[in-house]
Amino acid sequence: MSAARSFPNWVMLDRFVFRRDDDKTFPNNEKATIRASGLTTREKPFNIAFCLAEPPGISRLYVQLPGFPGPRKIEPLSIVATHRHLILFCLTSPIDENPRIIDVQDLFIYDTSAISSSQPQFKVLPPCTELYNDGPRICRPPQNTTKCRLLMILSMGLLCRGEEEFAVVELNLYRFSAVKVQAQLCVLRSHTSTGPRGIHRSWHTMQLPINIHGNPRDM
């Protein structure tokens, strides 16, 4: 992960997110000079703070989530991927009746290069409404085509090019037979003319065949 000027050229970021809802335990401006605040699609506020360390020291991300269920019930915020100056976050909001059932999934791009500029540091990605694959391992597509799809964050990646362009991808593999496998890519590409808070583009799905040669068990 790359960082902005006057900060380390690169850092080793701890994959765990440290939740500190109390103002006394949340890092202050001296300990965490990179800070940002945002709102979920349900208008719930959250704060993040980076405590950076020169490698081989480990940098950490702290999050403040007032109004969210306790950390023993759910871990709402995850670092999905990083590339150069961009960080992809996922912030989940559960239903009120059962905090273990995810209802809303918000994806944010955090731009560390915008720290010293007037540009917003957070960019909200649009929800994915692509139909689920109708392969043999998952359910049929939902009847409501506007229903938001929950993406698998462990299968997602981030790639940026230049200062403003980037792509977010979810990859799923589906096996139809011993030698026939299909890759499904759910892709969101950015555009240089983004809005003040979000990315005004839509997700699209690509299905690509994978030809297996050799031992099928290697797949």
Foldseek 3Di string as FASTA:
>chain_A
DAAAPPADRDAAEDQDEAEDQDPVPPDDCVQFVDKDWDADPVRFIKIKTKRTDDPVDYIHIYMHGPPADDVVQDDFKGFLEDDHQKTKMWGFGADPVHRNHTDDIWIWIAGNHCRPPPADRIATEDFALCFDDPAPPDDGTDPPSRDGDDADSNQKYKDADDRPKIKIWGWDKGDPDLFKIKIKIWMDIADPPADRHYGPTHIDIDIDIDGDDDGSVVD
